[in-house]
Amino acid sequence: MSEVIATPLMSKPKLRWACRRGMLELDVLLAPFVEEGYDALSEQQKVDFERLLACDDPDLFAWFMGHNRSEDAAVQALIELIVNRVRV
């Protein structure tokens, strides 16, 4: 029988630090989301968000600007959620 070991989620301070990127455009999208929208995510979405933060800045920029789409459906769904929050 295989046992699933859950990886603990990042703390809020670590998330804030991980949202500090090399591009201001990404900082402006990610940092406010962590403060205002992250807590409302499901546990799985929080895991997916951490995967999103592990992606390279050029990929994130292309996805957020709509130039490309992530091949990971869960990451793409979070990108759309974040972008739609900004458009409101």
C-alpha atoms as a PDB file:
ATOM      1  CA  MET A   1       0.000   0.000   0.000  1.00  0.00           C
ATOM      2  CA  SER A   2       1.478   3.359  -0.988  1.00  0.00           C
ATOM      3  CA  GLU A   3       1.163   6.261   1.388  1.00  0.00           C
ATOM      4  CA  VAL A   4       0.611   9.763   0.066  1.00  0.00           C
ATOM      5  CA  ILE A   5       2.738  12.310   1.874  1.00  0.00           C
ATOM      6  CA  ALA A   6       1.313  15.807   1.632  1.00  0.00           C
ATOM      7  CA  THR A   7       3.820  18.579   1.212  1.00  0.00           C
ATOM      8  CA  PRO A   8       3.028  21.495   3.527  1.00  0.00           C
ATOM      9  CA  LEU A   9       1.986  24.678   1.785  1.00  0.00           C
ATOM     10  CA  MET A  10       4.208  27.752   1.849  1.00  0.00           C
ATOM     11  CA  SER A  11       3.545  30.257   4.607  1.00  0.00           C
ATOM     12  CA  LYS A  12       2.165  33.680   3.662  1.00  0.00           C
ATOM     13  CA  PRO A  13       5.567  35.399   4.132  1.00  0.00           C
ATOM     14  CA  LYS A  14       7.229  32.838   1.837  1.00  0.00           C
ATOM     15  CA  LEU A  15       4.470  33.297  -0.742  1.00  0.00           C
ATOM     16  CA  ARG A  16       4.945  37.067  -0.624  1.00  0.00           C
ATOM     17  CA  TRP A  17       8.664  36.586  -1.213  1.00  0.00           C
ATOM     18  CA  ALA A  18       8.058  34.107  -4.072  1.00  0.00           C
ATOM     19  CA  CYS A  19       5.763  36.657  -5.736  1.00  0.00           C
ATOM     20  CA  ARG A  20       8.631  39.146  -5.981  1.00  0.00           C
ATOM     21  CA  ARG A  21       9.717  38.462  -9.522  1.00  0.00           C
ATOM     22  CA  GLY A  22      12.192  39.920 -11.976  1.00  0.00           C
ATOM     23  CA  MET A  23       9.408  41.715 -13.858  1.00  0.00           C
ATOM     24  CA  LEU A  24       7.283  44.497 -12.413  1.00  0.00           C
ATOM     25  CA  GLU A  25       4.338  43.330 -14.533  1.00  0.00           C
ATOM     26  CA  LEU A  26       4.331  40.007 -12.676  1.00  0.00           C
ATOM     27  CA  ASP A  27       4.792  41.643  -9.267  1.00  0.00           C
ATOM     28  CA  VAL A  28       1.730  43.812  -9.897  1.00  0.00           C
ATOM     29  CA  LEU A  29      -0.395  40.741 -10.643  1.00  0.00           C
ATOM     30  CA  LEU A  30       0.897  38.221  -8.133  1.00  0.00           C
ATOM     31  CA  ALA A  31       1.508  40.211  -4.946  1.00  0.00           C
ATOM     32  CA  PRO A  32      -2.015  41.655  -4.651  1.00  0.00           C
ATOM     33  CA  PHE A  33      -3.486  38.240  -5.432  1.00  0.00           C
ATOM     34  CA  VAL A  34      -1.633  36.662  -2.507  1.00  0.00           C
ATOM     35  CA  GLU A  35      -2.961  39.372  -0.199  1.00  0.00           C
ATOM     36  CA  GLU A  36      -6.542  39.488  -1.469  1.00  0.00           C
ATOM     37  CA  GLY A  37      -7.384  36.206  -3.207  1.00  0.00           C
ATOM     38  CA  TYR A  38      -5.093  33.414  -2.072  1.00  0.00           C
ATOM     39  CA  ASP A  39      -6.980  32.569   1.127  1.00  0.00           C
ATOM     40  CA  ALA A  40     -10.163  31.868  -0.859  1.00  0.00           C
ATOM     41  CA  LEU A  41      -8.466  29.169  -2.962  1.00  0.00           C
ATOM     42  CA  SER A  42      -9.106  25.488  -2.351  1.00  0.00           C
ATOM     43  CA  GLU A  43      -6.233  23.414  -0.972  1.00  0.00           C
ATOM     44  CA  GLN A  44      -5.597  21.986  -4.452  1.00  0.00           C
ATOM     45  CA  GLN A  45      -5.589  25.463  -6.002  1.00  0.00           C
ATOM     46  CA  LYS A  46      -3.039  26.551  -3.394  1.00  0.00           C
ATOM     47  CA  VAL A  47      -0.797  23.655  -4.422  1.00  0.00           C
ATOM     48  CA  ASP A  48      -1.311  24.643  -8.066  1.00  0.00           C
ATOM     49  CA  PHE A  49      -0.457  28.262  -7.229  1.00  0.00           C
ATOM     50  CA  GLU A  50       2.852  27.149  -5.750  1.00  0.00           C
ATOM     51  CA  ARG A  51       3.527  25.268  -8.999  1.00  0.00           C
ATOM     52  CA  LEU A  52       2.715  28.454 -10.908  1.00  0.00           C
ATOM     53  CA  LEU A  53       5.254  30.359  -8.785  1.00  0.00           C
ATOM     54  CA  ALA A  54       7.915  27.789  -9.701  1.00  0.00           C
ATOM     55  CA  CYS A  55       7.578  28.661 -13.407  1.00  0.00           C
ATOM     56  CA  ASP A  56      10.044  30.900 -15.211  1.00  0.00           C
ATOM     57  CA  ASP A  57       9.260  34.604 -15.527  1.00  0.00           C
ATOM     58  CA  PRO A  58       9.228  34.672 -19.359  1.00  0.00           C
ATOM     59  CA  ASP A  59       6.653  31.851 -19.392  1.00  0.00           C
ATOM     60  CA  LEU A  60       4.525  33.551 -16.740  1.00  0.00           C
ATOM     61  CA  PHE A  61       4.674  36.839 -18.606  1.00  0.00           C
ATOM     62  CA  ALA A  62       3.590  35.201 -21.878  1.00  0.00           C
ATOM     63  CA  TRP A  63       0.722  33.397 -20.149  1.00  0.00           C
ATOM     64  CA  PHE A  64      -0.527  36.439 -18.226  1.00  0.00           C
ATOM     65  CA  MET A  65      -0.319  38.673 -21.287  1.00  0.00           C
ATOM     66  CA  GLY A  66      -2.228  36.124 -23.360  1.00  0.00           C
ATOM     67  CA  HIS A  67       0.587  35.435 -25.822  1.00  0.00           C
ATOM     68  CA  ASN A  68       0.639  31.732 -24.913  1.00  0.00           C
ATOM     69  CA  ARG A  69      -1.271  29.303 -22.704  1.00  0.00           C
ATOM     70  CA  SER A  70       0.168  27.008 -20.079  1.00  0.00           C
ATOM     71  CA  GLU A  71       0.037  23.336 -20.992  1.00  0.00           C
ATOM     72  CA  ASP A  72      -0.908  22.660 -17.361  1.00  0.00           C
ATOM     73  CA  ALA A  73      -4.691  23.128 -17.197  1.00  0.00           C
ATOM     74  CA  ALA A  74      -4.676  23.865 -13.448  1.00  0.00           C
ATOM     75  CA  VAL A  75      -2.004  26.553 -13.828  1.00  0.00           C
ATOM     76  CA  GLN A  76      -3.872  28.059 -16.792  1.00  0.00           C
ATOM     77  CA  ALA A  77      -7.077  28.175 -14.734  1.00  0.00           C
ATOM     78  CA  LEU A  78      -5.256  30.115 -11.993  1.00  0.00           C
ATOM     79  CA  ILE A  79      -3.791  32.522 -14.537  1.00  0.00           C
ATOM     80  CA  GLU A  80      -7.278  33.219 -15.849  1.00  0.00           C
ATOM     81  CA  LEU A  81      -8.600  33.662 -12.298  1.00  0.00           C
ATOM     82  CA  ILE A  82      -5.848  36.170 -11.461  1.00  0.00           C
ATOM     83  CA  VAL A  83      -6.268  38.108 -14.728  1.00  0.00           C
ATOM     84  CA  ASN A  84     -10.051  38.274 -14.280  1.00  0.00           C
ATOM     85  CA  ARG A  85      -9.611  39.687 -10.756  1.00  0.00           C
ATOM     86  CA  VAL A  86      -7.535  42.518 -12.196  1.00  0.00           C
ATOM     87  CA  ARG A  87     -10.074  43.310 -14.931  1.00  0.00           C
ATOM     88  CA  VAL A  88     -12.933  43.889 -12.487  1.00  0.00           C
END
